[in-house]
Structures are given as structure tokens and as C-alpha cells.
Amino acid sequence: MKIYTLKAKQNLPISIDEAWEFLSDPKNLKTITPDYMGFNILSGADRKMYPGQIIQYIVTPVAGIKNKWVTEITHVRDKQYFVDEQRFGPYALWHHKHFIKKIPGGVEMEDIIDYKIPFGILGQLIHPILIKPKLKEIFKYREKKLIEIFGTLDTNTTNSIVFA
């Protein structure tokens, strides 16, 4: 069983309060998801994030094939982090940690996702060809959209997306 990890970091010129206000509203996920993915929230986004919240949505990541995805917000620490876990969806495991912390001139946002592809060895074979490039593309899109919304922070650190 192979578990993959994606780590993404981005610095933005906003306050912790602004970052949390945006990130803790599930409806904003549509804003930072590529349009071609057909992201549509079905239920659970009617209030700010809280532990135990179930969010159901449809996503169409590849070849127009619709997937129902159900996530649970399992942990929330106000203005510091939250965790969402897939309860039903395309992955055998999806555990996504979102961290924000204050840095000079703004905030650093960090995502750490541990995930497992279904279908055993077949899933491992398609990971570098399909899954990994698609996840990188999605996170590059998010980075671009967040810059459009909030601007950039001039620092010596760069935004990054790394797979382990």
C-alpha cells in the first residue's frame, strides 16, 4: 500500500483574519478550483467550518466523468488550521491538512495531503501519468487564483508544490 504526500506552500499579503475568513468558508473552494472540473457543492456549505461538518459535492476531474465526493471537517483550530478527510470519493485515502501562520508582511498557507490511489498496483502505475500531474495542475491554479484575489508577497521564499 503506497501512500503519497503532496505539500504546497504559498505566501500572501493578507492578515490571519482575512486568510481564515476566506479559507473557513467552504463556498470559496469553488473559486479556487478550475472551472473544467465542474465543481458543484451539493450540501454542507451553508455555514463556516466546524468539526464534524459534512460537505458533499460533485467534481469532474477527468474525461467528463462525474464523481461524488463527501468530506468531513475533522479538526478546526481557529485561525491556525483545519483538516478535511474524504468519507466517500475517488481516493482510497484523502487526509488534507490546511495550516496558516503569520509571517512578516502576511501569511503562509500550507497544505499537506496524504492520499492513496485505489486499484492497487494499477493505481500506482497511473499515479505519475494522471493523478500527480492533475493534482499539481489544481494546486497551481489555486496559487494563481489566490494571487489574483489577494496579490503577492515579496519575500525570499517562493511558493512550492512538492510530492513525496
N, C-alpha and C. Protein backbone atom coordinates (compact mmCIF):
# COMPACT_ATOMS: atom_id res chain seq x y z
N MET A 1 0.84 -1.18 0.00
CA MET A 1 0.00 0.00 0.00
C MET A 1 0.88 1.23 0.00
N LYS A 2 0.81 2.02 -1.05
CA LYS A 2 1.61 3.23 -1.20
C LYS A 2 0.75 4.44 -0.82
N ILE A 3 1.24 5.23 0.13
CA ILE A 3 0.59 6.49 0.49
C ILE A 3 1.47 7.62 0.00
N TYR A 4 0.89 8.51 -0.78
CA TYR A 4 1.59 9.65 -1.35
C TYR A 4 1.34 10.89 -0.50
N THR A 5 2.24 11.86 -0.60
CA THR A 5 2.08 13.12 0.11
C THR A 5 2.33 14.27 -0.84
N LEU A 6 1.45 15.24 -0.82
CA LEU A 6 1.60 16.49 -1.55
C LEU A 6 1.72 17.61 -0.52
N LYS A 7 2.73 18.47 -0.69
CA LYS A 7 2.89 19.63 0.19
C LYS A 7 2.93 20.87 -0.68
N ALA A 8 2.08 21.83 -0.34
CA ALA A 8 2.05 23.09 -1.09
C ALA A 8 2.13 24.25 -0.10
N LYS A 9 2.94 25.25 -0.42
CA LYS A 9 3.05 26.45 0.41
C LYS A 9 2.86 27.67 -0.47
N GLN A 10 2.21 28.68 0.12
CA GLN A 10 2.02 29.94 -0.58
C GLN A 10 1.96 31.07 0.43
N ASN A 11 2.66 32.15 0.12
CA ASN A 11 2.65 33.34 0.96
C ASN A 11 1.76 34.39 0.33
N LEU A 12 0.94 35.02 1.16
CA LEU A 12 0.02 36.04 0.68
C LEU A 12 0.09 37.28 1.57
N PRO A 13 -0.11 38.47 0.99
CA PRO A 13 0.00 39.72 1.74
C PRO A 13 -1.32 40.09 2.45
N ILE A 14 -1.81 39.18 3.27
CA ILE A 14 -3.06 39.41 3.99
C ILE A 14 -2.89 39.04 5.45
N SER A 15 -3.84 39.42 6.26
CA SER A 15 -3.78 39.11 7.69
C SER A 15 -4.29 37.69 7.94
N ILE A 16 -4.00 37.19 9.11
CA ILE A 16 -4.53 35.89 9.54
C ILE A 16 -6.06 35.92 9.47
N ASP A 17 -6.66 37.02 9.93
CA ASP A 17 -8.12 37.14 9.91
C ASP A 17 -8.68 37.03 8.49
N GLU A 18 -8.06 37.73 7.53
CA GLU A 18 -8.52 37.67 6.14
C GLU A 18 -8.35 36.26 5.57
N ALA A 19 -7.20 35.64 5.86
CA ALA A 19 -6.95 34.29 5.36
C ALA A 19 -7.97 33.31 5.92
N TRP A 20 -8.21 33.40 7.22
CA TRP A 20 -9.15 32.48 7.86
C TRP A 20 -10.57 32.70 7.36
N GLU A 21 -10.96 33.95 7.19
CA GLU A 21 -12.29 34.28 6.69
C GLU A 21 -12.53 33.61 5.33
N PHE A 22 -11.53 33.65 4.47
CA PHE A 22 -11.65 33.06 3.15
C PHE A 22 -11.62 31.53 3.22
N LEU A 23 -10.63 30.98 3.91
CA LEU A 23 -10.43 29.53 3.94
C LEU A 23 -11.52 28.78 4.70
N SER A 24 -12.10 29.40 5.71
CA SER A 24 -13.08 28.69 6.54
C SER A 24 -14.49 28.73 5.95
N ASP A 25 -14.64 29.32 4.79
CA ASP A 25 -15.93 29.33 4.11
C ASP A 25 -15.89 28.30 2.99
N PRO A 26 -16.56 27.15 3.16
CA PRO A 26 -16.49 26.08 2.15
C PRO A 26 -16.89 26.53 0.74
N LYS A 27 -17.73 27.55 0.64
CA LYS A 27 -18.16 28.02 -0.68
C LYS A 27 -16.99 28.56 -1.50
N ASN A 28 -15.92 29.00 -0.84
CA ASN A 28 -14.78 29.54 -1.58
C ASN A 28 -13.96 28.47 -2.28
N LEU A 29 -14.19 27.21 -1.96
CA LEU A 29 -13.47 26.14 -2.65
C LEU A 29 -13.78 26.16 -4.14
N LYS A 30 -15.00 26.50 -4.50
CA LYS A 30 -15.36 26.59 -5.93
C LYS A 30 -14.53 27.66 -6.62
N THR A 31 -14.27 28.78 -5.94
CA THR A 31 -13.49 29.89 -6.50
C THR A 31 -12.08 29.47 -6.87
N ILE A 32 -11.49 28.58 -6.08
CA ILE A 32 -10.09 28.20 -6.29
C ILE A 32 -9.93 26.83 -6.95
N THR A 33 -11.03 26.34 -7.57
CA THR A 33 -11.00 25.07 -8.30
C THR A 33 -11.20 25.37 -9.78
N PRO A 34 -10.38 24.77 -10.66
CA PRO A 34 -10.53 25.03 -12.10
C PRO A 34 -11.96 24.78 -12.58
N ASP A 35 -12.45 25.66 -13.44
CA ASP A 35 -13.82 25.56 -13.95
C ASP A 35 -14.09 24.23 -14.65
N TYR A 36 -13.11 23.72 -15.39
CA TYR A 36 -13.32 22.49 -16.15
C TYR A 36 -13.64 21.30 -15.25
N MET A 37 -13.37 21.42 -13.94
CA MET A 37 -13.63 20.32 -13.03
C MET A 37 -15.10 20.23 -12.63
N GLY A 38 -15.91 21.18 -13.07
CA GLY A 38 -17.34 21.11 -12.80
C GLY A 38 -17.68 21.00 -11.33
N PHE A 39 -16.91 21.69 -10.50
CA PHE A 39 -17.10 21.61 -9.05
C PHE A 39 -18.45 22.20 -8.66
N ASN A 40 -19.25 21.42 -7.95
CA ASN A 40 -20.56 21.89 -7.52
C ASN A 40 -20.86 21.34 -6.13
N ILE A 41 -21.06 22.24 -5.16
CA ILE A 41 -21.38 21.83 -3.80
C ILE A 41 -22.85 21.43 -3.75
N LEU A 42 -23.12 20.24 -3.23
CA LEU A 42 -24.48 19.74 -3.11
C LEU A 42 -25.09 20.08 -1.76
N SER A 43 -24.28 19.99 -0.69
CA SER A 43 -24.79 20.29 0.65
C SER A 43 -23.63 20.48 1.61
N GLY A 44 -23.94 21.10 2.74
CA GLY A 44 -22.98 21.23 3.83
C GLY A 44 -22.17 22.50 3.85
N ALA A 45 -22.39 23.41 2.91
CA ALA A 45 -21.59 24.64 2.85
C ALA A 45 -22.39 25.86 3.31
N ASP A 46 -23.42 25.62 4.09
CA ASP A 46 -24.30 26.70 4.49
C ASP A 46 -23.81 27.49 5.70
N ARG A 47 -22.68 27.08 6.28
CA ARG A 47 -22.11 27.82 7.41
C ARG A 47 -20.60 27.67 7.43
N LYS A 48 -19.96 28.51 8.24
CA LYS A 48 -18.50 28.45 8.38
C LYS A 48 -18.11 27.06 8.90
N MET A 49 -16.88 26.72 8.67
CA MET A 49 -16.35 25.42 9.02
C MET A 49 -16.42 25.10 10.51
N TYR A 50 -16.74 23.84 10.80
CA TYR A 50 -16.77 23.36 12.19
C TYR A 50 -16.45 21.86 12.20
N PRO A 51 -15.90 21.35 13.30
CA PRO A 51 -15.60 19.91 13.37
C PRO A 51 -16.89 19.09 13.24
N GLY A 52 -16.83 18.06 12.41
CA GLY A 52 -17.98 17.22 12.17
C GLY A 52 -18.80 17.62 10.95
N GLN A 53 -18.48 18.75 10.35
CA GLN A 53 -19.21 19.23 9.18
C GLN A 53 -19.00 18.26 8.01
N ILE A 54 -20.08 17.88 7.37
CA ILE A 54 -20.04 17.02 6.18
C ILE A 54 -20.37 17.89 4.97
N ILE A 55 -19.50 17.85 3.97
CA ILE A 55 -19.70 18.63 2.74
C ILE A 55 -19.75 17.64 1.58
N GLN A 56 -20.82 17.72 0.79
CA GLN A 56 -20.98 16.86 -0.37
C GLN A 56 -20.88 17.69 -1.63
N TYR A 57 -20.14 17.20 -2.59
CA TYR A 57 -20.02 17.91 -3.85
C TYR A 57 -19.77 16.94 -5.00
N ILE A 58 -19.95 17.48 -6.19
CA ILE A 58 -19.67 16.75 -7.43
C ILE A 58 -18.44 17.39 -8.05
N VAL A 59 -17.55 16.57 -8.55
CA VAL A 59 -16.37 17.06 -9.25
C VAL A 59 -16.15 16.18 -10.47
N THR A 60 -15.67 16.80 -11.55
CA THR A 60 -15.45 16.08 -12.81
C THR A 60 -13.98 16.26 -13.22
N PRO A 61 -13.07 15.52 -12.58
CA PRO A 61 -11.64 15.77 -12.80
C PRO A 61 -11.09 15.27 -14.13
N VAL A 62 -11.64 14.18 -14.67
CA VAL A 62 -11.05 13.58 -15.88
C VAL A 62 -12.15 13.10 -16.82
N ALA A 63 -12.01 13.43 -18.09
CA ALA A 63 -12.82 12.89 -19.19
C ALA A 63 -14.33 13.04 -18.96
N GLY A 64 -14.76 14.09 -18.27
CA GLY A 64 -16.18 14.32 -18.06
C GLY A 64 -16.87 13.32 -17.15
N ILE A 65 -16.07 12.52 -16.43
CA ILE A 65 -16.64 11.52 -15.52
C ILE A 65 -16.93 12.19 -14.18
N LYS A 66 -18.22 12.25 -13.81
CA LYS A 66 -18.62 12.90 -12.56
C LYS A 66 -18.35 11.99 -11.38
N ASN A 67 -17.80 12.58 -10.32
CA ASN A 67 -17.55 11.87 -9.08
C ASN A 67 -18.23 12.60 -7.94
N LYS A 68 -18.96 11.86 -7.11
CA LYS A 68 -19.49 12.45 -5.88
C LYS A 68 -18.40 12.32 -4.83
N TRP A 69 -18.15 13.42 -4.13
CA TRP A 69 -17.11 13.43 -3.12
C TRP A 69 -17.75 13.94 -1.83
N VAL A 70 -17.52 13.22 -0.74
CA VAL A 70 -18.03 13.61 0.56
C VAL A 70 -16.84 13.74 1.49
N THR A 71 -16.70 14.93 2.09
CA THR A 71 -15.62 15.15 3.05
C THR A 71 -16.20 15.54 4.40
N GLU A 72 -15.42 15.25 5.43
CA GLU A 72 -15.76 15.67 6.79
C GLU A 72 -14.65 16.58 7.29
N ILE A 73 -15.03 17.69 7.87
CA ILE A 73 -14.07 18.56 8.57
C ILE A 73 -13.87 17.93 9.94
N THR A 74 -12.71 17.36 10.18
CA THR A 74 -12.50 16.60 11.41
C THR A 74 -11.86 17.42 12.53
N HIS A 75 -11.06 18.41 12.19
CA HIS A 75 -10.38 19.23 13.19
C HIS A 75 -10.39 20.68 12.75
N VAL A 76 -10.60 21.58 13.69
CA VAL A 76 -10.54 23.01 13.40
C VAL A 76 -9.90 23.70 14.60
N ARG A 77 -8.85 24.44 14.36
CA ARG A 77 -8.28 25.34 15.37
C ARG A 77 -8.33 26.73 14.77
N ASP A 78 -9.20 27.58 15.33
CA ASP A 78 -9.49 28.90 14.79
C ASP A 78 -8.22 29.67 14.42
N LYS A 79 -8.19 30.10 13.18
CA LYS A 79 -7.12 30.93 12.63
C LYS A 79 -5.74 30.27 12.66
N GLN A 80 -5.72 28.91 12.74
CA GLN A 80 -4.46 28.18 12.70
C GLN A 80 -4.49 27.04 11.68
N TYR A 81 -5.50 26.15 11.79
CA TYR A 81 -5.55 25.02 10.86
C TYR A 81 -6.92 24.37 10.86
N PHE A 82 -7.15 23.58 9.82
CA PHE A 82 -8.29 22.67 9.80
C PHE A 82 -7.89 21.45 8.98
N VAL A 83 -8.63 20.36 9.17
CA VAL A 83 -8.37 19.09 8.47
C VAL A 83 -9.66 18.61 7.84
N ASP A 84 -9.57 18.25 6.55
CA ASP A 84 -10.70 17.59 5.91
C ASP A 84 -10.27 16.19 5.49
N GLU A 85 -11.20 15.25 5.64
CA GLU A 85 -10.96 13.86 5.28
C GLU A 85 -12.08 13.37 4.37
N GLN A 86 -11.69 12.68 3.32
CA GLN A 86 -12.69 12.10 2.42
C GLN A 86 -13.41 10.97 3.15
N ARG A 87 -14.72 10.99 3.07
CA ARG A 87 -15.53 9.88 3.60
C ARG A 87 -16.02 9.00 2.46
N PHE A 88 -16.22 9.60 1.29
CA PHE A 88 -16.63 8.87 0.10
C PHE A 88 -16.10 9.64 -1.09
N GLY A 89 -15.48 8.94 -2.04
CA GLY A 89 -14.96 9.63 -3.20
C GLY A 89 -13.95 8.81 -3.96
N PRO A 90 -13.17 9.48 -4.80
CA PRO A 90 -12.29 8.78 -5.74
C PRO A 90 -11.02 8.18 -5.14
N TYR A 91 -10.63 8.60 -3.95
CA TYR A 91 -9.38 8.11 -3.36
C TYR A 91 -9.65 7.02 -2.34
N ALA A 92 -8.66 6.14 -2.15
CA ALA A 92 -8.74 5.15 -1.09
C ALA A 92 -8.49 5.81 0.26
N LEU A 93 -7.73 6.91 0.25
CA LEU A 93 -7.45 7.73 1.44
C LEU A 93 -7.22 9.16 0.98
N TRP A 94 -7.80 10.11 1.69
CA TRP A 94 -7.55 11.54 1.44
C TRP A 94 -7.62 12.24 2.78
N HIS A 95 -6.48 12.72 3.25
CA HIS A 95 -6.37 13.42 4.54
C HIS A 95 -5.64 14.73 4.26
N HIS A 96 -6.37 15.85 4.34
CA HIS A 96 -5.86 17.15 3.90
C HIS A 96 -5.80 18.12 5.07
N LYS A 97 -4.58 18.51 5.41
CA LYS A 97 -4.35 19.47 6.49
C LYS A 97 -4.07 20.84 5.88
N HIS A 98 -4.74 21.88 6.40
CA HIS A 98 -4.58 23.26 5.93
C HIS A 98 -4.05 24.08 7.11
N PHE A 99 -2.87 24.66 6.98
CA PHE A 99 -2.28 25.47 8.05
C PHE A 99 -2.12 26.91 7.57
N ILE A 100 -2.32 27.85 8.47
CA ILE A 100 -1.95 29.24 8.18
C ILE A 100 -1.16 29.77 9.37
N LYS A 101 -0.15 30.58 9.05
CA LYS A 101 0.61 31.21 10.13
C LYS A 101 1.07 32.58 9.67
N LYS A 102 1.22 33.45 10.64
CA LYS A 102 1.65 34.81 10.35
C LYS A 102 3.14 34.80 10.01
N ILE A 103 3.49 35.56 8.98
CA ILE A 103 4.88 35.79 8.61
C ILE A 103 5.02 37.30 8.37
N PRO A 104 6.24 37.81 8.30
CA PRO A 104 6.40 39.25 8.05
C PRO A 104 5.67 39.67 6.76
N GLY A 105 4.75 40.60 6.87
CA GLY A 105 4.03 41.13 5.73
C GLY A 105 2.81 40.35 5.29
N GLY A 106 2.49 39.26 5.99
CA GLY A 106 1.33 38.49 5.55
C GLY A 106 1.19 37.15 6.25
N VAL A 107 0.77 36.15 5.47
CA VAL A 107 0.58 34.80 6.00
C VAL A 107 1.22 33.78 5.07
N GLU A 108 1.58 32.66 5.67
CA GLU A 108 1.99 31.49 4.90
C GLU A 108 0.87 30.48 5.02
N MET A 109 0.40 30.02 3.87
CA MET A 109 -0.59 28.95 3.82
C MET A 109 0.13 27.67 3.42
N GLU A 110 -0.13 26.62 4.15
CA GLU A 110 0.50 25.34 3.84
C GLU A 110 -0.57 24.25 3.80
N ASP A 111 -0.54 23.47 2.73
CA ASP A 111 -1.41 22.31 2.58
C ASP A 111 -0.54 21.07 2.63
N ILE A 112 -0.97 20.07 3.39
CA ILE A 112 -0.30 18.77 3.40
C ILE A 112 -1.40 17.73 3.19
N ILE A 113 -1.26 17.00 2.09
CA ILE A 113 -2.27 15.99 1.75
C ILE A 113 -1.59 14.63 1.70
N ASP A 114 -2.12 13.70 2.50
CA ASP A 114 -1.72 12.30 2.42
C ASP A 114 -2.85 11.59 1.71
N TYR A 115 -2.52 10.85 0.64
CA TYR A 115 -3.56 10.21 -0.14
C TYR A 115 -3.08 8.87 -0.68
N LYS A 116 -4.06 8.01 -0.95
CA LYS A 116 -3.80 6.69 -1.51
C LYS A 116 -4.72 6.51 -2.70
N ILE A 117 -4.16 5.99 -3.78
CA ILE A 117 -4.91 5.73 -5.01
C ILE A 117 -5.54 4.34 -4.89
N PRO A 118 -6.80 4.18 -5.32
CA PRO A 118 -7.39 2.84 -5.32
C PRO A 118 -6.79 1.96 -6.43
N PHE A 119 -7.19 0.76 -6.50
CA PHE A 119 -6.85 -0.20 -7.56
C PHE A 119 -5.44 -0.76 -7.47
N GLY A 120 -4.83 -0.76 -6.27
CA GLY A 120 -3.56 -1.42 -6.04
C GLY A 120 -2.45 -1.00 -6.98
N ILE A 121 -1.80 -1.98 -7.60
CA ILE A 121 -0.65 -1.72 -8.48
C ILE A 121 -1.07 -0.89 -9.69
N LEU A 122 -2.28 -1.10 -10.19
CA LEU A 122 -2.78 -0.31 -11.32
C LEU A 122 -2.84 1.18 -10.93
N GLY A 123 -3.35 1.45 -9.73
CA GLY A 123 -3.39 2.82 -9.24
C GLY A 123 -2.00 3.43 -9.13
N GLN A 124 -1.04 2.63 -8.66
CA GLN A 124 0.34 3.12 -8.55
C GLN A 124 0.93 3.41 -9.93
N LEU A 125 0.53 2.63 -10.93
CA LEU A 125 1.04 2.86 -12.28
C LEU A 125 0.47 4.13 -12.91
N ILE A 126 -0.81 4.43 -12.62
CA ILE A 126 -1.40 5.63 -13.22
C ILE A 126 -1.07 6.91 -12.43
N HIS A 127 -0.58 6.77 -11.20
CA HIS A 127 -0.28 7.95 -10.39
C HIS A 127 0.64 8.94 -11.09
N PRO A 128 1.82 8.53 -11.59
CA PRO A 128 2.72 9.52 -12.20
C PRO A 128 2.23 10.04 -13.56
N ILE A 129 1.34 9.29 -14.20
CA ILE A 129 0.86 9.67 -15.53
C ILE A 129 -0.36 10.58 -15.45
N LEU A 130 -1.25 10.32 -14.50
CA LEU A 130 -2.52 11.03 -14.45
C LEU A 130 -2.76 11.79 -13.14
N ILE A 131 -2.66 11.11 -12.03
CA ILE A 131 -3.05 11.70 -10.74
C ILE A 131 -2.10 12.80 -10.29
N LYS A 132 -0.82 12.52 -10.25
CA LYS A 132 0.15 13.51 -9.79
C LYS A 132 0.13 14.78 -10.65
N PRO A 133 0.18 14.67 -11.98
CA PRO A 133 0.10 15.90 -12.80
C PRO A 133 -1.21 16.67 -12.59
N LYS A 134 -2.32 15.96 -12.41
CA LYS A 134 -3.61 16.62 -12.21
C LYS A 134 -3.63 17.37 -10.88
N LEU A 135 -3.12 16.76 -9.83
CA LEU A 135 -3.07 17.45 -8.53
C LEU A 135 -2.16 18.67 -8.60
N LYS A 136 -1.03 18.54 -9.27
CA LYS A 136 -0.13 19.69 -9.41
C LYS A 136 -0.82 20.82 -10.17
N GLU A 137 -1.52 20.48 -11.23
CA GLU A 137 -2.25 21.47 -12.02
C GLU A 137 -3.31 22.18 -11.17
N ILE A 138 -4.03 21.43 -10.35
CA ILE A 138 -5.07 22.02 -9.50
C ILE A 138 -4.44 22.99 -8.49
N PHE A 139 -3.33 22.60 -7.88
CA PHE A 139 -2.71 23.48 -6.90
C PHE A 139 -2.02 24.68 -7.54
N LYS A 140 -1.53 24.55 -8.75
CA LYS A 140 -1.00 25.72 -9.47
C LYS A 140 -2.14 26.69 -9.79
N TYR A 141 -3.29 26.16 -10.14
CA TYR A 141 -4.46 27.00 -10.40
C TYR A 141 -4.86 27.75 -9.12
N ARG A 142 -4.89 27.04 -8.00
CA ARG A 142 -5.23 27.67 -6.71
C ARG A 142 -4.26 28.79 -6.39
N GLU A 143 -2.98 28.52 -6.60
CA GLU A 143 -1.96 29.54 -6.34
C GLU A 143 -2.24 30.79 -7.17
N LYS A 144 -2.52 30.60 -8.45
CA LYS A 144 -2.79 31.72 -9.36
C LYS A 144 -4.04 32.49 -8.93
N LYS A 145 -5.12 31.76 -8.61
CA LYS A 145 -6.37 32.42 -8.20
C LYS A 145 -6.19 33.20 -6.90
N LEU A 146 -5.46 32.65 -5.95
CA LEU A 146 -5.24 33.36 -4.68
C LEU A 146 -4.42 34.62 -4.90
N ILE A 147 -3.47 34.59 -5.85
CA ILE A 147 -2.70 35.80 -6.19
C ILE A 147 -3.63 36.83 -6.84
N GLU A 148 -4.53 36.37 -7.72
CA GLU A 148 -5.49 37.29 -8.34
C GLU A 148 -6.37 37.96 -7.29
N ILE A 149 -6.77 37.22 -6.28
CA ILE A 149 -7.68 37.74 -5.26
C ILE A 149 -6.95 38.62 -4.25
N PHE A 150 -5.76 38.17 -3.78
CA PHE A 150 -5.10 38.82 -2.66
C PHE A 150 -3.78 39.52 -3.00
N GLY A 151 -3.21 39.27 -4.18
CA GLY A 151 -1.92 39.85 -4.54
C GLY A 151 -0.77 38.94 -4.13
N THR A 152 0.45 39.46 -4.31
CA THR A 152 1.64 38.67 -3.98
C THR A 152 2.41 39.31 -2.85
N LEU A 153 3.19 38.51 -2.19
CA LEU A 153 4.03 38.96 -1.09
C LEU A 153 5.48 38.85 -1.54
N ASP A 154 6.19 39.98 -1.56
CA ASP A 154 7.59 39.96 -1.96
C ASP A 154 8.45 39.46 -0.80
N THR A 155 8.90 38.22 -0.92
CA THR A 155 9.78 37.63 0.09
C THR A 155 10.83 36.81 -0.63
N ASN A 156 11.79 36.35 0.13
CA ASN A 156 12.83 35.48 -0.44
C ASN A 156 12.34 34.04 -0.61
N THR A 157 11.21 33.72 0.02
CA THR A 157 10.69 32.37 -0.13
C THR A 157 9.77 32.32 -1.34
N THR A 158 9.72 31.17 -1.95
CA THR A 158 8.86 31.01 -3.12
C THR A 158 7.72 30.06 -2.79
N ASN A 159 6.67 30.18 -3.55
CA ASN A 159 5.57 29.24 -3.43
C ASN A 159 6.06 27.89 -3.94
N SER A 160 5.55 26.81 -3.37
CA SER A 160 6.05 25.50 -3.78
C SER A 160 4.96 24.45 -3.75
N ILE A 161 5.13 23.46 -4.62
CA ILE A 161 4.29 22.27 -4.64
C ILE A 161 5.25 21.10 -4.75
N VAL A 162 5.27 20.22 -3.75
CA VAL A 162 6.24 19.13 -3.69
C VAL A 162 5.50 17.83 -3.40
N PHE A 163 5.88 16.77 -4.11
CA PHE A 163 5.34 15.44 -3.85
C PHE A 163 6.40 14.59 -3.17
N ALA A 164 5.96 13.77 -2.23
CA ALA A 164 6.89 12.85 -1.55
C ALA A 164 6.39 11.45 -1.70
